[in-house]
Amino acid sequence: MKQYLLSIYQPTGDMPDPGFLAGVMRDVEQLNQELRAAGAWIFAGGLHAPESATVLRADGDDVLTTDGPFAEGKEHLGGFTIISADNLDSALDWGRRLAKATTLPVEVRPFQDESGNRTG
């Protein structure tokens, strides 16, 4: 089985209405249960707003530390799920279901294997 990162992108700005968000969270938890039952779930998590980030950048022998996101944009990484799937088509199926559950764009990307090759 190969591993895939399902990245969830959300718009920058105010959080959605609590009632809407409760429905999304219910749908995401249902999908997580289905991933677990299928033996595909590895790990998932939501992230704080980009303003909570700290960026570390190598600069010769030093490392520069700056607050906030590396780049500004209209969307940011809001959460992720790591799954195990037989192939890219299967991972894309799970990604489609996650996009429907979250109502947000989901990027599906294979992890490299230990030799640095794509596993997808």
PDB file of N, CA and C in Angstrom:
ATOM      1  N   MET A   1       0.850  -1.183   0.000  1.00  0.00           N
ATOM      2  CA  MET A   1       0.000   0.000   0.000  1.00  0.00           C
ATOM      3  C   MET A   1       0.895   1.247   0.000  1.00  0.00           C
ATOM      4  N   LYS A   2       0.489   2.220  -0.756  1.00  0.00           N
ATOM      5  CA  LYS A   2       1.202   3.489  -0.850  1.00  0.00           C
ATOM      6  C   LYS A   2       0.531   4.503   0.073  1.00  0.00           C
ATOM      7  N   GLN A   3       1.285   5.517   0.484  1.00  0.00           N
ATOM      8  CA  GLN A   3       0.723   6.555   1.329  1.00  0.00           C
ATOM      9  C   GLN A   3       0.531   7.833   0.525  1.00  0.00           C
ATOM     10  N   TYR A   4      -0.560   8.526   0.838  1.00  0.00           N
ATOM     11  CA  TYR A   4      -0.917   9.762   0.154  1.00  0.00           C
ATOM     12  C   TYR A   4      -1.279  10.827   1.172  1.00  0.00           C
ATOM     13  N   LEU A   5      -0.927  12.068   0.855  1.00  0.00           N
ATOM     14  CA  LEU A   5      -1.305  13.224   1.653  1.00  0.00           C
ATOM     15  C   LEU A   5      -2.501  13.883   0.978  1.00  0.00           C
ATOM     16  N   LEU A   6      -3.599  14.018   1.717  1.00  0.00           N
ATOM     17  CA  LEU A   6      -4.781  14.732   1.245  1.00  0.00           C
ATOM     18  C   LEU A   6      -4.788  16.083   1.964  1.00  0.00           C
ATOM     19  N   SER A   7      -4.388  17.134   1.263  1.00  0.00           N
ATOM     20  CA  SER A   7      -4.289  18.473   1.848  1.00  0.00           C
ATOM     21  C   SER A   7      -5.594  19.222   1.624  1.00  0.00           C
ATOM     22  N   ILE A   8      -6.113  19.803   2.683  1.00  0.00           N
ATOM     23  CA  ILE A   8      -7.380  20.536   2.628  1.00  0.00           C
ATOM     24  C   ILE A   8      -7.071  22.032   2.648  1.00  0.00           C
ATOM     25  N   TYR A   9      -7.514  22.736   1.608  1.00  0.00           N
ATOM     26  CA  TYR A   9      -7.266  24.170   1.512  1.00  0.00           C
ATOM     27  C   TYR A   9      -8.542  24.929   1.820  1.00  0.00           C
ATOM     28  N   GLN A  10      -8.418  25.930   2.682  1.00  0.00           N
ATOM     29  CA  GLN A  10      -9.595  26.715   3.044  1.00  0.00           C
ATOM     30  C   GLN A  10      -9.324  28.183   2.787  1.00  0.00           C
ATOM     31  N   PRO A  11     -10.381  28.952   2.547  1.00  0.00           N
ATOM     32  CA  PRO A  11     -10.186  30.378   2.278  1.00  0.00           C
ATOM     33  C   PRO A  11      -9.691  31.096   3.523  1.00  0.00           C
ATOM     34  N   THR A  12      -8.839  32.074   3.302  1.00  0.00           N
ATOM     35  CA  THR A  12      -8.370  32.915   4.390  1.00  0.00           C
ATOM     36  C   THR A  12      -9.512  33.841   4.794  1.00  0.00           C
ATOM     37  N   GLY A  13      -9.675  34.044   6.082  1.00  0.00           N
ATOM     38  CA  GLY A  13     -10.731  34.944   6.551  1.00  0.00           C
ATOM     39  C   GLY A  13     -11.507  34.332   7.693  1.00  0.00           C
ATOM     40  N   ASP A  14     -12.708  34.836   7.883  1.00  0.00           N
ATOM     41  CA  ASP A  14     -13.556  34.411   8.989  1.00  0.00           C
ATOM     42  C   ASP A  14     -13.960  32.946   8.862  1.00  0.00           C
ATOM     43  N   MET A  15     -14.145  32.312  10.008  1.00  0.00           N
ATOM     44  CA  MET A  15     -14.629  30.932  10.043  1.00  0.00           C
ATOM     45  C   MET A  15     -16.096  30.907   9.604  1.00  0.00           C
ATOM     46  N   PRO A  16     -16.524  29.779   9.032  1.00  0.00           N
ATOM     47  CA  PRO A  16     -17.935  29.685   8.639  1.00  0.00           C
ATOM     48  C   PRO A  16     -18.872  29.666   9.845  1.00  0.00           C
ATOM     49  N   ASP A  17     -20.127  29.834   9.579  1.00  0.00           N
ATOM     50  CA  ASP A  17     -21.176  29.779  10.591  1.00  0.00           C
ATOM     51  C   ASP A  17     -21.042  28.493  11.412  1.00  0.00           C
ATOM     52  N   PRO A  18     -21.186  28.557  12.743  1.00  0.00           N
ATOM     53  CA  PRO A  18     -21.039  27.364  13.581  1.00  0.00           C
ATOM     54  C   PRO A  18     -21.957  26.212  13.194  1.00  0.00           C
ATOM     55  N   GLY A  19     -23.167  26.490  12.758  1.00  0.00           N
ATOM     56  CA  GLY A  19     -24.074  25.425  12.339  1.00  0.00           C
ATOM     57  C   GLY A  19     -23.560  24.711  11.106  1.00  0.00           C
ATOM     58  N   PHE A  20     -23.075  25.464  10.133  1.00  0.00           N
ATOM     59  CA  PHE A  20     -22.501  24.882   8.915  1.00  0.00           C
ATOM     60  C   PHE A  20     -21.263  24.067   9.272  1.00  0.00           C
ATOM     61  N   LEU A  21     -20.408  24.632  10.106  1.00  0.00           N
ATOM     62  CA  LEU A  21     -19.169  23.956  10.502  1.00  0.00           C
ATOM     63  C   LEU A  21     -19.455  22.654  11.251  1.00  0.00           C
ATOM     64  N   ALA A  22     -20.503  22.629  12.071  1.00  0.00           N
ATOM     65  CA  ALA A  22     -20.865  21.403  12.790  1.00  0.00           C
ATOM     66  C   ALA A  22     -21.234  20.291  11.811  1.00  0.00           C
ATOM     67  N   GLY A  23     -21.954  20.638  10.752  1.00  0.00           N
ATOM     68  CA  GLY A  23     -22.307  19.653   9.736  1.00  0.00           C
ATOM     69  C   GLY A  23     -21.078  19.133   9.001  1.00  0.00           C
ATOM     70  N   VAL A  24     -20.153  20.031   8.692  1.00  0.00           N
ATOM     71  CA  VAL A  24     -18.909  19.623   8.025  1.00  0.00           C
ATOM     72  C   VAL A  24     -18.130  18.674   8.930  1.00  0.00           C
ATOM     73  N   MET A  25     -17.996  19.020  10.178  1.00  0.00           N
ATOM     74  CA  MET A  25     -17.227  18.180  11.108  1.00  0.00           C
ATOM     75  C   MET A  25     -17.876  16.804  11.273  1.00  0.00           C
ATOM     76  N   ARG A  26     -19.193  16.763  11.277  1.00  0.00           N
ATOM     77  CA  ARG A  26     -19.908  15.481  11.347  1.00  0.00           C
ATOM     78  C   ARG A  26     -19.583  14.629  10.114  1.00  0.00           C
ATOM     79  N   ASP A  27     -19.618  15.253   8.924  1.00  0.00           N
ATOM     80  CA  ASP A  27     -19.332  14.534   7.688  1.00  0.00           C
ATOM     81  C   ASP A  27     -17.876  14.075   7.628  1.00  0.00           C
ATOM     82  N   VAL A  28     -16.967  14.888   8.105  1.00  0.00           N
ATOM     83  CA  VAL A  28     -15.545  14.515   8.120  1.00  0.00           C
ATOM     84  C   VAL A  28     -15.317  13.357   9.080  1.00  0.00           C
ATOM     85  N   GLU A  29     -15.937  13.379  10.238  1.00  0.00           N
ATOM     86  CA  GLU A  29     -15.773  12.275  11.190  1.00  0.00           C
ATOM     87  C   GLU A  29     -16.342  10.982  10.621  1.00  0.00           C
ATOM     88  N   GLN A  30     -17.470  11.069   9.915  1.00  0.00           N
ATOM     89  CA  GLN A  30     -18.037   9.889   9.255  1.00  0.00           C
ATOM     90  C   GLN A  30     -17.052   9.325   8.238  1.00  0.00           C
ATOM     91  N   LEU A  31     -16.450  10.200   7.443  1.00  0.00           N
ATOM     92  CA  LEU A  31     -15.459   9.756   6.457  1.00  0.00           C
ATOM     93  C   LEU A  31     -14.239   9.149   7.151  1.00  0.00           C
ATOM     94  N   ASN A  32     -13.776   9.759   8.243  1.00  0.00           N
ATOM     95  CA  ASN A  32     -12.648   9.194   8.996  1.00  0.00           C
ATOM     96  C   ASN A  32     -12.971   7.789   9.498  1.00  0.00           C
ATOM     97  N   GLN A  33     -14.202   7.570   9.955  1.00  0.00           N
ATOM     98  CA  GLN A  33     -14.610   6.238  10.396  1.00  0.00           C
ATOM     99  C   GLN A  33     -14.589   5.249   9.230  1.00  0.00           C
ATOM    100  N   GLU A  34     -15.020   5.695   8.055  1.00  0.00           N
ATOM    101  CA  GLU A  34     -14.998   4.826   6.880  1.00  0.00           C
ATOM    102  C   GLU A  34     -13.559   4.524   6.447  1.00  0.00           C
ATOM    103  N   LEU A  35     -12.683   5.512   6.527  1.00  0.00           N
ATOM    104  CA  LEU A  35     -11.267   5.285   6.224  1.00  0.00           C
ATOM    105  C   LEU A  35     -10.667   4.259   7.187  1.00  0.00           C
ATOM    106  N   ARG A  36     -10.999   4.395   8.472  1.00  0.00           N
ATOM    107  CA  ARG A  36     -10.489   3.438   9.469  1.00  0.00           C
ATOM    108  C   ARG A  36     -11.006   2.026   9.179  1.00  0.00           C
ATOM    109  N   ALA A  37     -12.294   1.917   8.897  1.00  0.00           N
ATOM    110  CA  ALA A  37     -12.898   0.612   8.630  1.00  0.00           C
ATOM    111  C   ALA A  37     -12.279  -0.042   7.396  1.00  0.00           C
ATOM    112  N   ALA A  38     -11.865   0.770   6.417  1.00  0.00           N
ATOM    113  CA  ALA A  38     -11.258   0.249   5.194  1.00  0.00           C
ATOM    114  C   ALA A  38      -9.765  -0.026   5.362  1.00  0.00           C
ATOM    115  N   GLY A  39      -9.200   0.331   6.526  1.00  0.00           N
ATOM    116  CA  GLY A  39      -7.771   0.147   6.754  1.00  0.00           C
ATOM    117  C   GLY A  39      -6.922   1.170   6.013  1.00  0.00           C
ATOM    118  N   ALA A  40      -7.527   2.282   5.591  1.00  0.00           N
ATOM    119  CA  ALA A  40      -6.819   3.301   4.817  1.00  0.00           C
ATOM    120  C   ALA A  40      -6.366   4.489   5.658  1.00  0.00           C
ATOM    121  N   TRP A  41      -6.942   4.681   6.837  1.00  0.00           N
ATOM    122  CA  TRP A  41      -6.658   5.867   7.656  1.00  0.00           C
ATOM    123  C   TRP A  41      -5.335   5.704   8.380  1.00  0.00           C
ATOM    124  N   ILE A  42      -4.468   6.719   8.291  1.00  0.00           N
ATOM    125  CA  ILE A  42      -3.213   6.723   9.028  1.00  0.00           C
ATOM    126  C   ILE A  42      -3.221   7.835  10.063  1.00  0.00           C
ATOM    127  N   PHE A  43      -3.533   9.066   9.622  1.00  0.00           N
ATOM    128  CA  PHE A  43      -3.495  10.205  10.534  1.00  0.00           C
ATOM    129  C   PHE A  43      -4.224  11.371   9.885  1.00  0.00           C
ATOM    130  N   ALA A  44      -4.841  12.222  10.685  1.00  0.00           N
ATOM    131  CA  ALA A  44      -5.487  13.429  10.172  1.00  0.00           C
ATOM    132  C   ALA A  44      -5.388  14.519  11.231  1.00  0.00           C
ATOM    133  N   GLY A  45      -5.430  15.765  10.790  1.00  0.00           N
ATOM    134  CA  GLY A  45      -5.390  16.865  11.737  1.00  0.00           C
ATOM    135  C   GLY A  45      -5.757  18.177  11.092  1.00  0.00           C
ATOM    136  N   GLY A  46      -6.308  19.060  11.889  1.00  0.00           N
ATOM    137  CA  GLY A  46      -6.601  20.423  11.457  1.00  0.00           C
ATOM    138  C   GLY A  46      -5.510  21.348  11.962  1.00  0.00           C
ATOM    139  N   LEU A  47      -5.339  22.457  11.301  1.00  0.00           N
ATOM    140  CA  LEU A  47      -4.286  23.409  11.656  1.00  0.00           C
ATOM    141  C   LEU A  47      -4.886  24.734  12.101  1.00  0.00           C
ATOM    142  N   HIS A  48      -4.152  25.434  12.961  1.00  0.00           N
ATOM    143  CA  HIS A  48      -4.539  26.791  13.334  1.00  0.00           C
ATOM    144  C   HIS A  48      -4.352  27.709  12.130  1.00  0.00           C
ATOM    145  N   ALA A  49      -4.849  28.925  12.218  1.00  0.00           N
ATOM    146  CA  ALA A  49      -4.753  29.910  11.138  1.00  0.00           C
ATOM    147  C   ALA A  49      -3.286  30.157  10.768  1.00  0.00           C
ATOM    148  N   PRO A  50      -3.025  30.581   9.532  1.00  0.00           N
ATOM    149  CA  PRO A  50      -1.651  30.798   9.089  1.00  0.00           C
ATOM    150  C   PRO A  50      -0.881  31.804   9.946  1.00  0.00           C
ATOM    151  N   GLU A  51      -1.591  32.733  10.581  1.00  0.00           N
ATOM    152  CA  GLU A  51      -0.922  33.721  11.424  1.00  0.00           C
ATOM    153  C   GLU A  51      -0.209  33.083  12.618  1.00  0.00           C
ATOM    154  N   SER A  52      -0.556  31.849  12.948  1.00  0.00           N
ATOM    155  CA  SER A  52       0.081  31.164  14.074  1.00  0.00           C
ATOM    156  C   SER A  52       1.392  30.494  13.672  1.00  0.00           C
ATOM    157  N   ALA A  53       1.714  30.528  12.368  1.00  0.00           N
ATOM    158  CA  ALA A  53       2.905  29.839  11.864  1.00  0.00           C
ATOM    159  C   ALA A  53       4.182  30.607  12.184  1.00  0.00           C
ATOM    160  N   THR A  54       5.264  29.869  12.260  1.00  0.00           N
ATOM    161  CA  THR A  54       6.607  30.426  12.340  1.00  0.00           C
ATOM    162  C   THR A  54       7.413  29.800  11.213  1.00  0.00           C
ATOM    163  N   VAL A  55       8.072  30.634  10.427  1.00  0.00           N
ATOM    164  CA  VAL A  55       8.847  30.153   9.288  1.00  0.00           C
ATOM    165  C   VAL A  55      10.328  30.189   9.651  1.00  0.00           C
ATOM    166  N   LEU A  56      11.015  29.070   9.410  1.00  0.00           N
ATOM    167  CA  LEU A  56      12.452  28.960   9.648  1.00  0.00           C
ATOM    168  C   LEU A  56      13.131  28.828   8.290  1.00  0.00           C
ATOM    169  N   ARG A  57      14.125  29.662   8.025  1.00  0.00           N
ATOM    170  CA  ARG A  57      14.791  29.668   6.725  1.00  0.00           C
ATOM    171  C   ARG A  57      16.303  29.674   6.935  1.00  0.00           C
ATOM    172  N   ALA A  58      16.980  28.684   6.327  1.00  0.00           N
ATOM    173  CA  ALA A  58      18.439  28.615   6.414  1.00  0.00           C
ATOM    174  C   ALA A  58      19.052  29.813   5.699  1.00  0.00           C
ATOM    175  N   ASP A  59      20.059  30.409   6.347  1.00  0.00           N
ATOM    176  CA  ASP A  59      20.785  31.549   5.777  1.00  0.00           C
ATOM    177  C   ASP A  59      22.256  31.364   6.128  1.00  0.00           C
ATOM    178  N   GLY A  60      22.948  30.596   5.309  1.00  0.00           N
ATOM    179  CA  GLY A  60      24.339  30.262   5.622  1.00  0.00           C
ATOM    180  C   GLY A  60      24.371  29.379   6.850  1.00  0.00           C
ATOM    181  N   ASP A  61      25.154  29.792   7.850  1.00  0.00           N
ATOM    182  CA  ASP A  61      25.235  29.033   9.101  1.00  0.00           C
ATOM    183  C   ASP A  61      24.117  29.377  10.071  1.00  0.00           C
ATOM    184  N   ASP A  62      23.321  30.384   9.747  1.00  0.00           N
ATOM    185  CA  ASP A  62      22.235  30.829  10.620  1.00  0.00           C
ATOM    186  C   ASP A  62      20.887  30.318  10.098  1.00  0.00           C
ATOM    187  N   VAL A  63      19.900  30.430  10.948  1.00  0.00           N
ATOM    188  CA  VAL A  63      18.525  30.155  10.564  1.00  0.00           C
ATOM    189  C   VAL A  63      17.694  31.358  10.963  1.00  0.00           C
ATOM    190  N   LEU A  64      17.053  31.968   9.961  1.00  0.00           N
ATOM    191  CA  LEU A  64      16.205  33.128  10.216  1.00  0.00           C
ATOM    192  C   LEU A  64      14.828  32.659  10.642  1.00  0.00           C
ATOM    193  N   THR A  65      14.261  33.342  11.628  1.00  0.00           N
ATOM    194  CA  THR A  65      12.935  33.009  12.149  1.00  0.00           C
ATOM    195  C   THR A  65      12.021  34.198  11.905  1.00  0.00           C
ATOM    196  N   THR A  66      10.890  33.944  11.240  1.00  0.00           N
ATOM    197  CA  THR A  66       9.910  35.004  11.022  1.00  0.00           C
ATOM    198  C   THR A  66       8.523  34.503  11.389  1.00  0.00           C
ATOM    199  N   ASP A  67       7.674  35.417  11.812  1.00  0.00           N
ATOM    200  CA  ASP A  67       6.302  35.083  12.158  1.00  0.00           C
ATOM    201  C   ASP A  67       5.452  35.031  10.903  1.00  0.00           C
ATOM    202  N   GLY A  68       4.373  34.261  11.007  1.00  0.00           N
ATOM    203  CA  GLY A  68       3.366  34.259   9.966  1.00  0.00           C
ATOM    204  C   GLY A  68       3.672  33.318   8.820  1.00  0.00           C
ATOM    205  N   PRO A  69       2.772  33.292   7.866  1.00  0.00           N
ATOM    206  CA  PRO A  69       2.906  32.338   6.768  1.00  0.00           C
ATOM    207  C   PRO A  69       4.077  32.694   5.857  1.00  0.00           C
ATOM    208  N   PHE A  70       4.602  31.692   5.168  1.00  0.00           N
ATOM    209  CA  PHE A  70       5.686  31.875   4.207  1.00  0.00           C
ATOM    210  C   PHE A  70       5.228  32.754   3.050  1.00  0.00           C
ATOM    211  N   ALA A  71       4.014  32.526   2.584  1.00  0.00           N
ATOM    212  CA  ALA A  71       3.470  33.301   1.471  1.00  0.00           C
ATOM    213  C   ALA A  71       2.026  33.671   1.775  1.00  0.00           C
ATOM    214  N   GLU A  72       1.618  34.823   1.308  1.00  0.00           N
ATOM    215  CA  GLU A  72       0.232  35.225   1.484  1.00  0.00           C
ATOM    216  C   GLU A  72      -0.594  34.714   0.320  1.00  0.00           C
ATOM    217  N   GLY A  73      -1.818  34.364   0.592  1.00  0.00           N
ATOM    218  CA  GLY A  73      -2.692  33.883  -0.467  1.00  0.00           C
ATOM    219  C   GLY A  73      -4.140  33.960  -0.047  1.00  0.00           C
ATOM    220  N   LYS A  74      -5.013  33.616  -0.969  1.00  0.00           N
ATOM    221  CA  LYS A  74      -6.440  33.619  -0.686  1.00  0.00           C
ATOM    222  C   LYS A  74      -6.877  32.335   0.000  1.00  0.00           C
ATOM    223  N   GLU A  75      -6.026  31.303  -0.066  1.00  0.00           N
ATOM    224  CA  GLU A  75      -6.300  30.029   0.589  1.00  0.00           C
ATOM    225  C   GLU A  75      -5.062  29.618   1.379  1.00  0.00           C
ATOM    226  N   HIS A  76      -5.287  28.784   2.373  1.00  0.00           N
ATOM    227  CA  HIS A  76      -4.164  28.265   3.150  1.00  0.00           C
ATOM    228  C   HIS A  76      -4.450  26.812   3.518  1.00  0.00           C
ATOM    229  N   LEU A  77      -3.392  26.101   3.876  1.00  0.00           N
ATOM    230  CA  LEU A  77      -3.539  24.722   4.322  1.00  0.00           C
ATOM    231  C   LEU A  77      -4.261  24.732   5.657  1.00  0.00           C
ATOM    232  N   GLY A  78      -5.452  24.157   5.679  1.00  0.00           N
ATOM    233  CA  GLY A  78      -6.258  24.173   6.893  1.00  0.00           C
ATOM    234  C   GLY A  78      -6.228  22.864   7.640  1.00  0.00           C
ATOM    235  N   GLY A  79      -5.868  21.786   6.949  1.00  0.00           N
ATOM    236  CA  GLY A  79      -5.809  20.474   7.582  1.00  0.00           C
ATOM    237  C   GLY A  79      -5.340  19.450   6.579  1.00  0.00           C
ATOM    238  N   PHE A  80      -5.203  18.235   7.041  1.00  0.00           N
ATOM    239  CA  PHE A  80      -4.697  17.182   6.159  1.00  0.00           C
ATOM    240  C   PHE A  80      -5.112  15.822   6.680  1.00  0.00           C
ATOM    241  N   THR A  81      -5.065  14.859   5.797  1.00  0.00           N
ATOM    242  CA  THR A  81      -5.292  13.460   6.134  1.00  0.00           C
ATOM    243  C   THR A  81      -4.228  12.652   5.408  1.00  0.00           C
ATOM    244  N   ILE A  82      -3.630  11.720   6.089  1.00  0.00           N
ATOM    245  CA  ILE A  82      -2.671  10.813   5.472  1.00  0.00           C
ATOM    246  C   ILE A  82      -3.349   9.456   5.387  1.00  0.00           C
ATOM    247  N   ILE A  83      -3.366   8.908   4.166  1.00  0.00           N
ATOM    248  CA  ILE A  83      -4.038   7.631   3.943  1.00  0.00           C
ATOM    249  C   ILE A  83      -3.086   6.625   3.305  1.00  0.00           C
ATOM    250  N   SER A  84      -3.509   5.401   3.327  1.00  0.00           N
ATOM    251  CA  SER A  84      -2.840   4.319   2.624  1.00  0.00           C
ATOM    252  C   SER A  84      -3.807   3.825   1.564  1.00  0.00           C
ATOM    253  N   ALA A  85      -3.333   3.714   0.315  1.00  0.00           N
ATOM    254  CA  ALA A  85      -4.200   3.286  -0.779  1.00  0.00           C
ATOM    255  C   ALA A  85      -3.399   2.436  -1.757  1.00  0.00           C
ATOM    256  N   ASP A  86      -4.094   1.558  -2.458  1.00  0.00           N
ATOM    257  CA  ASP A  86      -3.440   0.674  -3.423  1.00  0.00           C
ATOM    258  C   ASP A  86      -2.820   1.434  -4.586  1.00  0.00           C
ATOM    259  N   ASN A  87      -3.471   2.538  -5.000  1.00  0.00           N
ATOM    260  CA  ASN A  87      -2.988   3.268  -6.167  1.00  0.00           C
ATOM    261  C   ASN A  87      -3.581   4.677  -6.148  1.00  0.00           C
ATOM    262  N   LEU A  88      -3.155   5.479  -7.121  1.00  0.00           N
ATOM    263  CA  LEU A  88      -3.604   6.869  -7.189  1.00  0.00           C
ATOM    264  C   LEU A  88      -5.115   6.958  -7.388  1.00  0.00           C
ATOM    265  N   ASP A  89      -5.695   6.093  -8.198  1.00  0.00           N
ATOM    266  CA  ASP A  89      -7.146   6.139  -8.411  1.00  0.00           C
ATOM    267  C   ASP A  89      -7.911   5.966  -7.105  1.00  0.00           C
ATOM    268  N   SER A  90      -7.462   5.031  -6.280  1.00  0.00           N
ATOM    269  CA  SER A  90      -8.106   4.812  -4.982  1.00  0.00           C
ATOM    270  C   SER A  90      -7.926   6.033  -4.084  1.00  0.00           C
ATOM    271  N   ALA A  91      -6.719   6.615  -4.079  1.00  0.00           N
ATOM    272  CA  ALA A  91      -6.462   7.819  -3.274  1.00  0.00           C
ATOM    273  C   ALA A  91      -7.333   8.979  -3.747  1.00  0.00           C
ATOM    274  N   LEU A  92      -7.496   9.102  -5.068  1.00  0.00           N
ATOM    275  CA  LEU A  92      -8.347  10.168  -5.609  1.00  0.00           C
ATOM    276  C   LEU A  92      -9.806   9.975  -5.206  1.00  0.00           C
ATOM    277  N   ASP A  93     -10.259   8.734  -5.136  1.00  0.00           N
ATOM    278  CA  ASP A  93     -11.624   8.469  -4.674  1.00  0.00           C
ATOM    279  C   ASP A  93     -11.812   8.970  -3.247  1.00  0.00           C
ATOM    280  N   TRP A  94     -10.844   8.666  -2.370  1.00  0.00           N
ATOM    281  CA  TRP A  94     -10.919   9.157  -0.992  1.00  0.00           C
ATOM    282  C   TRP A  94     -10.842  10.686  -0.973  1.00  0.00           C
ATOM    283  N   GLY A  95      -9.991  11.260  -1.815  1.00  0.00           N
ATOM    284  CA  GLY A  95      -9.881  12.719  -1.886  1.00  0.00           C
ATOM    285  C   GLY A  95     -11.179  13.379  -2.319  1.00  0.00           C
ATOM    286  N   ARG A  96     -11.864  12.774  -3.290  1.00  0.00           N
ATOM    287  CA  ARG A  96     -13.174  13.305  -3.723  1.00  0.00           C
ATOM    288  C   ARG A  96     -14.164  13.308  -2.566  1.00  0.00           C
ATOM    289  N   ARG A  97     -14.159  12.223  -1.811  1.00  0.00           N
ATOM    290  CA  ARG A  97     -15.087  12.126  -0.678  1.00  0.00           C
ATOM    291  C   ARG A  97     -14.746  13.159   0.390  1.00  0.00           C
ATOM    292  N   LEU A  98     -13.445  13.407   0.590  1.00  0.00           N
ATOM    293  CA  LEU A  98     -13.037  14.412   1.571  1.00  0.00           C
ATOM    294  C   LEU A  98     -13.425  15.810   1.087  1.00  0.00           C
ATOM    295  N   ALA A  99     -13.280  16.079  -0.199  1.00  0.00           N
ATOM    296  CA  ALA A  99     -13.682  17.381  -0.747  1.00  0.00           C
ATOM    297  C   ALA A  99     -15.182  17.605  -0.547  1.00  0.00           C
ATOM    298  N   LYS A 100     -15.979  16.562  -0.747  1.00  0.00           N
ATOM    299  CA  LYS A 100     -17.427  16.688  -0.530  1.00  0.00           C
ATOM    300  C   LYS A 100     -17.739  16.903   0.943  1.00  0.00           C
ATOM    301  N   ALA A 101     -17.036  16.183   1.834  1.00  0.00           N
ATOM    302  CA  ALA A 101     -17.302  16.306   3.272  1.00  0.00           C
ATOM    303  C   ALA A 101     -16.916  17.684   3.795  1.00  0.00           C
ATOM    304  N   THR A 102     -15.782  18.215   3.322  1.00  0.00           N
ATOM    305  CA  THR A 102     -15.301  19.504   3.828  1.00  0.00           C
ATOM    306  C   THR A 102     -15.854  20.686   3.056  1.00  0.00           C
ATOM    307  N   THR A 103     -16.352  20.441   1.854  1.00  0.00           N
ATOM    308  CA  THR A 103     -16.791  21.471   0.907  1.00  0.00           C
ATOM    309  C   THR A 103     -15.626  22.370   0.482  1.00  0.00           C
ATOM    310  N   LEU A 104     -14.400  21.871   0.605  1.00  0.00           N
ATOM    311  CA  LEU A 104     -13.192  22.641   0.289  1.00  0.00           C
ATOM    312  C   LEU A 104     -12.322  21.890  -0.712  1.00  0.00           C
ATOM    313  N   PRO A 105     -11.426  22.603  -1.405  1.00  0.00           N
ATOM    314  CA  PRO A 105     -10.501  21.927  -2.316  1.00  0.00           C
ATOM    315  C   PRO A 105      -9.571  20.987  -1.555  1.00  0.00           C
ATOM    316  N   VAL A 106      -9.287  19.838  -2.156  1.00  0.00           N
ATOM    317  CA  VAL A 106      -8.387  18.845  -1.573  1.00  0.00           C
ATOM    318  C   VAL A 106      -7.331  18.484  -2.615  1.00  0.00           C
ATOM    319  N   GLU A 107      -6.084  18.582  -2.233  1.00  0.00           N
ATOM    320  CA  GLU A 107      -4.973  18.176  -3.094  1.00  0.00           C
ATOM    321  C   GLU A 107      -4.532  16.786  -2.669  1.00  0.00           C
ATOM    322  N   VAL A 108      -4.387  15.870  -3.621  1.00  0.00           N
ATOM    323  CA  VAL A 108      -3.935  14.506  -3.352  1.00  0.00           C
ATOM    324  C   VAL A 108      -2.514  14.388  -3.885  1.00  0.00           C
ATOM    325  N   ARG A 109      -1.579  14.002  -2.994  1.00  0.00           N
ATOM    326  CA  ARG A 109      -0.182  13.894  -3.409  1.00  0.00           C
ATOM    327  C   ARG A 109       0.454  12.656  -2.794  1.00  0.00           C
ATOM    328  N   PRO A 110       1.133  11.841  -3.628  1.00  0.00           N
ATOM    329  CA  PRO A 110       1.780  10.643  -3.095  1.00  0.00           C
ATOM    330  C   PRO A 110       3.057  11.001  -2.334  1.00  0.00           C
ATOM    331  N   PHE A 111       3.345  10.215  -1.298  1.00  0.00           N
ATOM    332  CA  PHE A 111       4.628  10.337  -0.623  1.00  0.00           C
ATOM    333  C   PHE A 111       5.689   9.659  -1.474  1.00  0.00           C
ATOM    334  N   GLN A 112       6.929  10.113  -1.337  1.00  0.00           N
ATOM    335  CA  GLN A 112       8.042   9.429  -1.979  1.00  0.00           C
ATOM    336  C   GLN A 112       8.373   8.199  -1.148  1.00  0.00           C
ATOM    337  N   ASP A 113       8.858   7.144  -1.814  1.00  0.00           N
ATOM    338  CA  ASP A 113       9.305   5.999  -1.041  1.00  0.00           C
ATOM    339  C   ASP A 113      10.689   6.316  -0.475  1.00  0.00           C
ATOM    340  N   GLU A 114      11.295   5.392   0.257  1.00  0.00           N
ATOM    341  CA  GLU A 114      12.553   5.651   0.938  1.00  0.00           C
ATOM    342  C   GLU A 114      13.692   5.983  -0.026  1.00  0.00           C
ATOM    343  N   SER A 115      13.608   5.560  -1.298  1.00  0.00           N
ATOM    344  CA  SER A 115      14.653   5.858  -2.264  1.00  0.00           C
ATOM    345  C   SER A 115      14.451   7.223  -2.928  1.00  0.00           C
ATOM    346  N   GLY A 116      13.350   7.914  -2.555  1.00  0.00           N
ATOM    347  CA  GLY A 116      13.067   9.234  -3.120  1.00  0.00           C
ATOM    348  C   GLY A 116      12.188   9.171  -4.353  1.00  0.00           C
ATOM    349  N   ASN A 117      11.694   8.002  -4.709  1.00  0.00           N
ATOM    350  CA  ASN A 117      10.823   7.853  -5.859  1.00  0.00           C
ATOM    351  C   ASN A 117       9.377   8.056  -5.470  1.00  0.00           C
ATOM    352  N   ARG A 118       8.573   8.539  -6.418  1.00  0.00           N
ATOM    353  CA  ARG A 118       7.122   8.660  -6.170  1.00  0.00           C
ATOM    354  C   ARG A 118       6.561   7.269  -5.957  1.00  0.00           C
ATOM    355  N   THR A 119       5.601   7.188  -5.036  1.00  0.00           N
ATOM    356  CA  THR A 119       4.954   5.900  -4.797  1.00  0.00           C
ATOM    357  C   THR A 119       3.620   5.794  -5.506  1.00  0.00           C
ATOM    358  N   GLY A 120       3.147   6.861  -6.136  1.00  0.00           N
ATOM    359  CA  GLY A 120       1.850   6.880  -6.779  1.00  0.00           C
ATOM    360  C   GLY A 120       1.966   6.477  -8.189  1.00  0.00           C
TER     361      GLY A 120
END
